[in-house]
Amino acid sequence: MTPNELAARHPRLFHVTEPGAWPSIERHGLLSTNAALVHFDAPRDIIAKVSAHPRPATITLDHPENGTLILNDQLPLNEKALTACLDGGLSPQDWLRILNDRVFFWPDEANLERLLGARINRGRTRDVLVFDTLSLAQAAHDRMELSPINSGATIRKPARRGPETFTPISALSYRNWQRKRGRRDTVREVTVLHALSNPGAHLLEIRSHHSATT
């Protein structure tokens, strides 16, 4: 799939973060969880905690030179439910490693709005970074992968997931993606492995979203 093919169907990519995070992101890049742990010299106990279990709350990383970074929680990810829906002999810790190696983008604004309005997000304010898909995909094409599911959620009836969940964008044309996944457009997530440097080159706007408490 070329950047143009992806951008023709999903012209914008959306990344959800904590309010006020952009100055740090602009300075250090959009970092995966594992990249952030390294870049901010996280203590060993934090690294062990992040590797072992889904995050029930945000985690703040402080560094004397790099400043502060907040790792998003993983509230939609229940460890027991995750264990029951993994394929390929993967353990929950294997899946956490897969997730923590990636930066995630929503390619569909309707799905994004459902996430932001979900019960677990009620009363929260989030910043949504809106990126130009074509520009971002051209810069990160060799490290970009697609998922047909919300890979970080196990709410209600969780989709099966395993080694084949993430597909490198360069491996299939859009037509072959549809043949593999079904006739409907099922791209639920766009991911970039490890980190996205110079995110400001692709940023279109920053939106503040506050979810009502009821």
C-alpha atoms as a PDB file:
ATOM      1  CA  MET A   1       0.000   0.000   0.000  1.00  0.00           C
ATOM      2  CA  THR A   2       1.472   3.326  -0.967  1.00  0.00           C
ATOM      3  CA  PRO A   3       1.211   6.512   1.093  1.00  0.00           C
ATOM      4  CA  ASN A   4      -1.094   7.879  -1.605  1.00  0.00           C
ATOM      5  CA  GLU A   5      -3.433   4.873  -1.333  1.00  0.00           C
ATOM      6  CA  LEU A   6      -3.682   5.244   2.422  1.00  0.00           C
ATOM      7  CA  ALA A   7      -4.128   9.018   2.278  1.00  0.00           C
ATOM      8  CA  ALA A   8      -6.840   8.780  -0.377  1.00  0.00           C
ATOM      9  CA  ARG A   9      -9.018   6.807   2.040  1.00  0.00           C
ATOM     10  CA  HIS A  10      -7.810   8.265   5.338  1.00  0.00           C
ATOM     11  CA  PRO A  11      -6.518  11.798   4.686  1.00  0.00           C
ATOM     12  CA  ARG A  12      -6.056  12.564   8.383  1.00  0.00           C
ATOM     13  CA  LEU A  13      -4.478  10.605  11.244  1.00  0.00           C
ATOM     14  CA  PHE A  14      -5.324  11.338  14.885  1.00  0.00           C
ATOM     15  CA  HIS A  15      -3.173  10.819  17.969  1.00  0.00           C
ATOM     16  CA  VAL A  16      -4.632  11.219  21.480  1.00  0.00           C
ATOM     17  CA  THR A  17      -2.444  12.601  24.234  1.00  0.00           C
ATOM     18  CA  GLU A  18      -2.543  14.418  27.547  1.00  0.00           C
ATOM     19  CA  PRO A  19      -3.347  18.149  27.512  1.00  0.00           C
ATOM     20  CA  GLY A  20      -0.302  20.323  26.999  1.00  0.00           C
ATOM     21  CA  ALA A  21       1.933  17.488  25.790  1.00  0.00           C
ATOM     22  CA  TRP A  22       2.751  19.014  22.416  1.00  0.00           C
ATOM     23  CA  PRO A  23       5.869  21.050  23.384  1.00  0.00           C
ATOM     24  CA  SER A  24       7.531  17.860  24.666  1.00  0.00           C
ATOM     25  CA  ILE A  25       6.380  15.881  21.623  1.00  0.00           C
ATOM     26  CA  GLU A  26       7.677  18.554  19.289  1.00  0.00           C
ATOM     27  CA  ARG A  27      11.038  18.482  21.034  1.00  0.00           C
ATOM     28  CA  HIS A  28      11.542  14.720  21.430  1.00  0.00           C
ATOM     29  CA  GLY A  29       9.278  13.251  18.746  1.00  0.00           C
ATOM     30  CA  LEU A  30       6.280  10.990  19.143  1.00  0.00           C
ATOM     31  CA  LEU A  31       7.775   8.145  21.151  1.00  0.00           C
ATOM     32  CA  SER A  32       6.470   4.655  21.650  1.00  0.00           C
ATOM     33  CA  THR A  33       6.222   3.590  25.284  1.00  0.00           C
ATOM     34  CA  ASN A  34       9.452   1.595  25.074  1.00  0.00           C
ATOM     35  CA  ALA A  35      11.270   4.441  23.323  1.00  0.00           C
ATOM     36  CA  ALA A  36      10.044   6.857  26.009  1.00  0.00           C
ATOM     37  CA  LEU A  37      11.272   4.592  28.805  1.00  0.00           C
ATOM     38  CA  VAL A  38      14.749   4.641  27.266  1.00  0.00           C
ATOM     39  CA  HIS A  39      14.783   8.338  26.336  1.00  0.00           C
ATOM     40  CA  PHE A  40      13.661   9.420  29.802  1.00  0.00           C
ATOM     41  CA  ASP A  41      15.889   6.946  31.694  1.00  0.00           C
ATOM     42  CA  ALA A  42      12.931   5.368  33.470  1.00  0.00           C
ATOM     43  CA  PRO A  43      13.716   3.557  36.745  1.00  0.00           C
ATOM     44  CA  ARG A  44      13.878  -0.223  36.612  1.00  0.00           C
ATOM     45  CA  ASP A  45      10.748  -0.650  38.705  1.00  0.00           C
ATOM     46  CA  ILE A  46       8.738   1.452  36.243  1.00  0.00           C
ATOM     47  CA  ILE A  47      10.114  -0.519  33.291  1.00  0.00           C
ATOM     48  CA  ALA A  48       9.207  -3.789  35.017  1.00  0.00           C
ATOM     49  CA  LYS A  49       5.703  -2.555  35.825  1.00  0.00           C
ATOM     50  CA  VAL A  50       5.046  -1.365  32.266  1.00  0.00           C
ATOM     51  CA  SER A  51       6.329  -4.644  30.829  1.00  0.00           C
ATOM     52  CA  ALA A  52       4.336  -6.908  33.128  1.00  0.00           C
ATOM     53  CA  HIS A  53       0.803  -5.496  33.214  1.00  0.00           C
ATOM     54  CA  PRO A  54      -1.492  -3.063  31.362  1.00  0.00           C
ATOM     55  CA  ARG A  55      -1.278   0.436  32.824  1.00  0.00           C
ATOM     56  CA  PRO A  56      -4.340   1.182  35.014  1.00  0.00           C
ATOM     57  CA  ALA A  57      -3.375   4.861  35.187  1.00  0.00           C
ATOM     58  CA  THR A  58      -1.049   7.314  33.504  1.00  0.00           C
ATOM     59  CA  ILE A  59       2.628   7.164  34.437  1.00  0.00           C
ATOM     60  CA  THR A  60       4.743  10.306  34.669  1.00  0.00           C
ATOM     61  CA  LEU A  61       8.389  10.154  33.621  1.00  0.00           C
ATOM     62  CA  ASP A  62      10.666  12.953  34.822  1.00  0.00           C
ATOM     63  CA  HIS A  63      14.137  13.613  33.465  1.00  0.00           C
ATOM     64  CA  PRO A  64      16.523  16.405  34.541  1.00  0.00           C
ATOM     65  CA  GLU A  65      17.268  17.404  30.943  1.00  0.00           C
ATOM     66  CA  ASN A  66      14.419  16.019  28.857  1.00  0.00           C
ATOM     67  CA  GLY A  67      11.633  17.253  31.111  1.00  0.00           C
ATOM     68  CA  THR A  68       8.375  15.416  31.758  1.00  0.00           C
ATOM     69  CA  LEU A  69       6.471  12.864  29.698  1.00  0.00           C
ATOM     70  CA  ILE A  70       3.174  11.173  30.570  1.00  0.00           C
ATOM     71  CA  LEU A  71       2.499   7.625  29.379  1.00  0.00           C
ATOM     72  CA  ASN A  72      -1.173   7.111  28.574  1.00  0.00           C
ATOM     73  CA  ASP A  73      -3.118   4.602  30.631  1.00  0.00           C
ATOM     74  CA  GLN A  74      -4.302   1.304  29.123  1.00  0.00           C
ATOM     75  CA  LEU A  75      -7.688   1.174  30.840  1.00  0.00           C
ATOM     76  CA  PRO A  76      -9.477  -0.550  27.904  1.00  0.00           C
ATOM     77  CA  LEU A  77      -7.047  -3.466  28.147  1.00  0.00           C
ATOM     78  CA  ASN A  78      -8.081  -6.123  30.671  1.00  0.00           C
ATOM     79  CA  GLU A  79      -5.341  -8.680  31.269  1.00  0.00           C
ATOM     80  CA  LYS A  80      -7.692 -11.624  31.863  1.00  0.00           C
ATOM     81  CA  ALA A  81      -9.707 -10.856  28.732  1.00  0.00           C
ATOM     82  CA  LEU A  82      -6.483 -10.332  26.777  1.00  0.00           C
ATOM     83  CA  THR A  83      -5.206 -13.777  27.762  1.00  0.00           C
ATOM     84  CA  ALA A  84      -8.381 -15.338  26.364  1.00  0.00           C
ATOM     85  CA  CYS A  85      -8.164 -13.667  22.945  1.00  0.00           C
ATOM     86  CA  LEU A  86      -4.484 -14.119  22.078  1.00  0.00           C
ATOM     87  CA  ASP A  87      -3.387 -16.418  19.253  1.00  0.00           C
ATOM     88  CA  GLY A  88      -0.031 -17.829  18.188  1.00  0.00           C
ATOM     89  CA  GLY A  89       1.074 -18.791  21.675  1.00  0.00           C
ATOM     90  CA  LEU A  90       1.464 -15.162  22.759  1.00  0.00           C
ATOM     91  CA  SER A  91       1.299 -14.214  26.429  1.00  0.00           C
ATOM     92  CA  PRO A  92      -0.146 -10.915  27.697  1.00  0.00           C
ATOM     93  CA  GLN A  93       3.425  -9.728  28.231  1.00  0.00           C
ATOM     94  CA  ASP A  94       4.243 -10.527  24.592  1.00  0.00           C
ATOM     95  CA  TRP A  95       1.274  -8.425  23.505  1.00  0.00           C
ATOM     96  CA  LEU A  96       2.258  -5.560  25.777  1.00  0.00           C
ATOM     97  CA  ARG A  97       5.712  -5.568  24.194  1.00  0.00           C
ATOM     98  CA  ILE A  98       4.112  -5.402  20.741  1.00  0.00           C
ATOM     99  CA  LEU A  99       1.913  -2.486  21.790  1.00  0.00           C
ATOM    100  CA  ASN A 100       4.662  -0.667  23.667  1.00  0.00           C
ATOM    101  CA  ASP A 101       6.912  -0.717  20.594  1.00  0.00           C
ATOM    102  CA  ARG A 102       4.420   1.365  18.583  1.00  0.00           C
ATOM    103  CA  VAL A 103       3.048   4.883  18.213  1.00  0.00           C
ATOM    104  CA  PHE A 104      -0.692   4.705  17.473  1.00  0.00           C
ATOM    105  CA  PHE A 105      -2.917   6.788  15.222  1.00  0.00           C
ATOM    106  CA  TRP A 106      -6.637   6.622  14.586  1.00  0.00           C
ATOM    107  CA  PRO A 107      -7.425   6.816  10.852  1.00  0.00           C
ATOM    108  CA  ASP A 108     -11.176   7.262  11.307  1.00  0.00           C
ATOM    109  CA  GLU A 109     -12.625  10.261  13.149  1.00  0.00           C
ATOM    110  CA  ALA A 110     -15.915   8.507  13.990  1.00  0.00           C
ATOM    111  CA  ASN A 111     -14.059   5.720  15.831  1.00  0.00           C
ATOM    112  CA  LEU A 112     -11.949   8.335  17.571  1.00  0.00           C
ATOM    113  CA  GLU A 113     -15.060  10.153  18.806  1.00  0.00           C
ATOM    114  CA  ARG A 114     -16.463   6.902  20.179  1.00  0.00           C
ATOM    115  CA  LEU A 115     -13.245   6.347  22.104  1.00  0.00           C
ATOM    116  CA  LEU A 116     -13.220   9.856  23.531  1.00  0.00           C
ATOM    117  CA  GLY A 117     -16.853   9.574  24.521  1.00  0.00           C
ATOM    118  CA  ALA A 118     -16.557   6.140  26.113  1.00  0.00           C
ATOM    119  CA  ARG A 119     -17.477   5.697  29.765  1.00  0.00           C
ATOM    120  CA  ILE A 120     -13.843   5.292  30.872  1.00  0.00           C
ATOM    121  CA  ASN A 121     -13.032   8.721  29.381  1.00  0.00           C
ATOM    122  CA  ARG A 122     -15.946  10.662  30.861  1.00  0.00           C
ATOM    123  CA  GLY A 123     -14.860  13.859  32.520  1.00  0.00           C
ATOM    124  CA  ARG A 124     -11.420  13.779  30.921  1.00  0.00           C
ATOM    125  CA  THR A 125      -9.818  16.423  28.759  1.00  0.00           C
ATOM    126  CA  ARG A 126      -7.546  15.163  26.000  1.00  0.00           C
ATOM    127  CA  ASP A 127      -5.559  16.774  23.232  1.00  0.00           C
ATOM    128  CA  VAL A 128      -5.981  15.331  19.752  1.00  0.00           C
ATOM    129  CA  LEU A 129      -3.079  15.864  17.361  1.00  0.00           C
ATOM    130  CA  VAL A 130      -4.282  15.909  13.762  1.00  0.00           C
ATOM    131  CA  PHE A 131      -1.715  14.898  11.136  1.00  0.00           C
ATOM    132  CA  ASP A 132      -1.612  14.925   7.363  1.00  0.00           C
ATOM    133  CA  THR A 133      -1.620  11.263   6.380  1.00  0.00           C
ATOM    134  CA  LEU A 134       0.286  11.634   3.123  1.00  0.00           C
ATOM    135  CA  SER A 135       3.122  13.620   4.665  1.00  0.00           C
ATOM    136  CA  LEU A 136       3.423  11.318   7.679  1.00  0.00           C
ATOM    137  CA  ALA A 137       3.207   8.125   5.611  1.00  0.00           C
ATOM    138  CA  GLN A 138       5.869   9.321   3.195  1.00  0.00           C
ATOM    139  CA  ALA A 139       8.216   9.992   6.116  1.00  0.00           C
ATOM    140  CA  ALA A 140       7.556   6.740   8.025  1.00  0.00           C
ATOM    141  CA  HIS A 141       6.507   4.307   5.283  1.00  0.00           C
ATOM    142  CA  ASP A 142       9.179   1.728   6.123  1.00  0.00           C
ATOM    143  CA  ARG A 143       8.058   1.551   9.784  1.00  0.00           C
ATOM    144  CA  MET A 144       4.297   1.874   9.340  1.00  0.00           C
ATOM    145  CA  GLU A 145       1.912  -1.005  10.062  1.00  0.00           C
ATOM    146  CA  LEU A 146      -1.870  -1.363   9.986  1.00  0.00           C
ATOM    147  CA  SER A 147      -4.256  -3.145  12.334  1.00  0.00           C
ATOM    148  CA  PRO A 148      -7.865  -4.190  11.567  1.00  0.00           C
ATOM    149  CA  ILE A 149      -8.813  -4.013  15.269  1.00  0.00           C
ATOM    150  CA  ASN A 150      -8.418  -1.750  18.260  1.00  0.00           C
ATOM    151  CA  SER A 151      -5.389  -3.664  19.479  1.00  0.00           C
ATOM    152  CA  GLY A 152      -5.262  -1.995  22.884  1.00  0.00           C
ATOM    153  CA  ALA A 153      -8.835  -2.793  23.938  1.00  0.00           C
ATOM    154  CA  THR A 154     -10.577  -5.906  25.213  1.00  0.00           C
ATOM    155  CA  ILE A 155     -13.958  -4.349  26.025  1.00  0.00           C
ATOM    156  CA  ARG A 156     -17.138  -6.360  25.377  1.00  0.00           C
ATOM    157  CA  LYS A 157     -16.337  -9.061  22.793  1.00  0.00           C
ATOM    158  CA  PRO A 158     -12.611  -8.634  22.150  1.00  0.00           C
ATOM    159  CA  ALA A 159     -11.332  -9.503  18.689  1.00  0.00           C
ATOM    160  CA  ARG A 160      -8.777 -12.260  18.308  1.00  0.00           C
ATOM    161  CA  ARG A 161      -5.238 -10.962  17.958  1.00  0.00           C
ATOM    162  CA  GLY A 162      -1.789 -12.389  17.426  1.00  0.00           C
ATOM    163  CA  PRO A 163       1.366 -12.287  15.288  1.00  0.00           C
ATOM    164  CA  GLU A 164      -0.613 -11.494  12.126  1.00  0.00           C
ATOM    165  CA  THR A 165      -2.594  -8.555  13.536  1.00  0.00           C
ATOM    166  CA  PHE A 166      -0.182  -5.863  12.381  1.00  0.00           C
ATOM    167  CA  THR A 167       0.599  -5.745   8.662  1.00  0.00           C
ATOM    168  CA  PRO A 168       3.459  -3.623   7.241  1.00  0.00           C
ATOM    169  CA  ILE A 169       1.934  -1.059   4.924  1.00  0.00           C
ATOM    170  CA  SER A 170       4.439  -2.008   2.234  1.00  0.00           C
ATOM    171  CA  ALA A 171       3.386  -5.685   2.249  1.00  0.00           C
ATOM    172  CA  LEU A 172      -0.019  -5.354   0.593  1.00  0.00           C
ATOM    173  CA  SER A 173      -1.798  -3.106  -1.854  1.00  0.00           C
ATOM    174  CA  TYR A 174      -5.046  -1.616  -0.594  1.00  0.00           C
ATOM    175  CA  ARG A 175      -7.000  -4.060  -2.770  1.00  0.00           C
ATOM    176  CA  ASN A 176      -5.127  -7.023  -1.311  1.00  0.00           C
ATOM    177  CA  TRP A 177      -5.673  -5.653   2.193  1.00  0.00           C
ATOM    178  CA  GLN A 178      -9.413  -5.680   1.527  1.00  0.00           C
ATOM    179  CA  ARG A 179      -9.237  -9.211   0.118  1.00  0.00           C
ATOM    180  CA  LYS A 180      -7.411 -10.362   3.247  1.00  0.00           C
ATOM    181  CA  ARG A 181      -9.691  -8.595   5.712  1.00  0.00           C
ATOM    182  CA  GLY A 182     -13.011  -8.644   3.851  1.00  0.00           C
ATOM    183  CA  ARG A 183     -14.788  -6.262   1.534  1.00  0.00           C
ATOM    184  CA  ARG A 184     -15.252  -3.535   4.120  1.00  0.00           C
ATOM    185  CA  ASP A 185     -12.512  -1.024   4.878  1.00  0.00           C
ATOM    186  CA  THR A 186     -11.304  -2.358   8.230  1.00  0.00           C
ATOM    187  CA  VAL A 187      -8.223  -0.263   8.972  1.00  0.00           C
ATOM    188  CA  ARG A 188      -8.759   0.576  12.633  1.00  0.00           C
ATOM    189  CA  GLU A 189      -5.249   1.668  13.574  1.00  0.00           C
ATOM    190  CA  VAL A 190      -2.186   3.028  11.838  1.00  0.00           C
ATOM    191  CA  THR A 191       1.013   2.504  13.782  1.00  0.00           C
ATOM    192  CA  VAL A 192       4.629   3.592  13.493  1.00  0.00           C
ATOM    193  CA  LEU A 193       7.295   1.411  15.048  1.00  0.00           C
ATOM    194  CA  HIS A 194       9.486   2.931  17.774  1.00  0.00           C
ATOM    195  CA  ALA A 195       9.077   6.675  17.174  1.00  0.00           C
ATOM    196  CA  LEU A 196       8.116   9.441  14.776  1.00  0.00           C
ATOM    197  CA  SER A 197      10.753  12.143  14.629  1.00  0.00           C
ATOM    198  CA  ASN A 198       9.922  15.725  13.634  1.00  0.00           C
ATOM    199  CA  PRO A 199       6.141  15.328  14.078  1.00  0.00           C
ATOM    200  CA  GLY A 200       5.672  19.065  13.605  1.00  0.00           C
ATOM    201  CA  ALA A 201       6.408  18.616   9.895  1.00  0.00           C
ATOM    202  CA  HIS A 202       3.138  16.672   9.563  1.00  0.00           C
ATOM    203  CA  LEU A 203       0.918  18.387  12.147  1.00  0.00           C
ATOM    204  CA  LEU A 204      -2.206  20.189  10.933  1.00  0.00           C
ATOM    205  CA  GLU A 205      -3.858  21.199  14.197  1.00  0.00           C
ATOM    206  CA  ILE A 206      -4.260  20.438  17.888  1.00  0.00           C
ATOM    207  CA  ARG A 207      -7.784  19.970  19.212  1.00  0.00           C
ATOM    208  CA  SER A 208      -8.829  20.008  22.851  1.00  0.00           C
ATOM    209  CA  HIS A 209     -11.581  17.523  23.640  1.00  0.00           C
ATOM    210  CA  HIS A 210     -13.478  17.371  26.925  1.00  0.00           C
ATOM    211  CA  SER A 211     -15.844  14.493  27.519  1.00  0.00           C
ATOM    212  CA  ALA A 212     -18.933  15.218  29.574  1.00  0.00           C
ATOM    213  CA  THR A 213     -19.348  13.389  32.871  1.00  0.00           C
ATOM    214  CA  THR A 214     -22.757  12.006  31.877  1.00  0.00           C
END
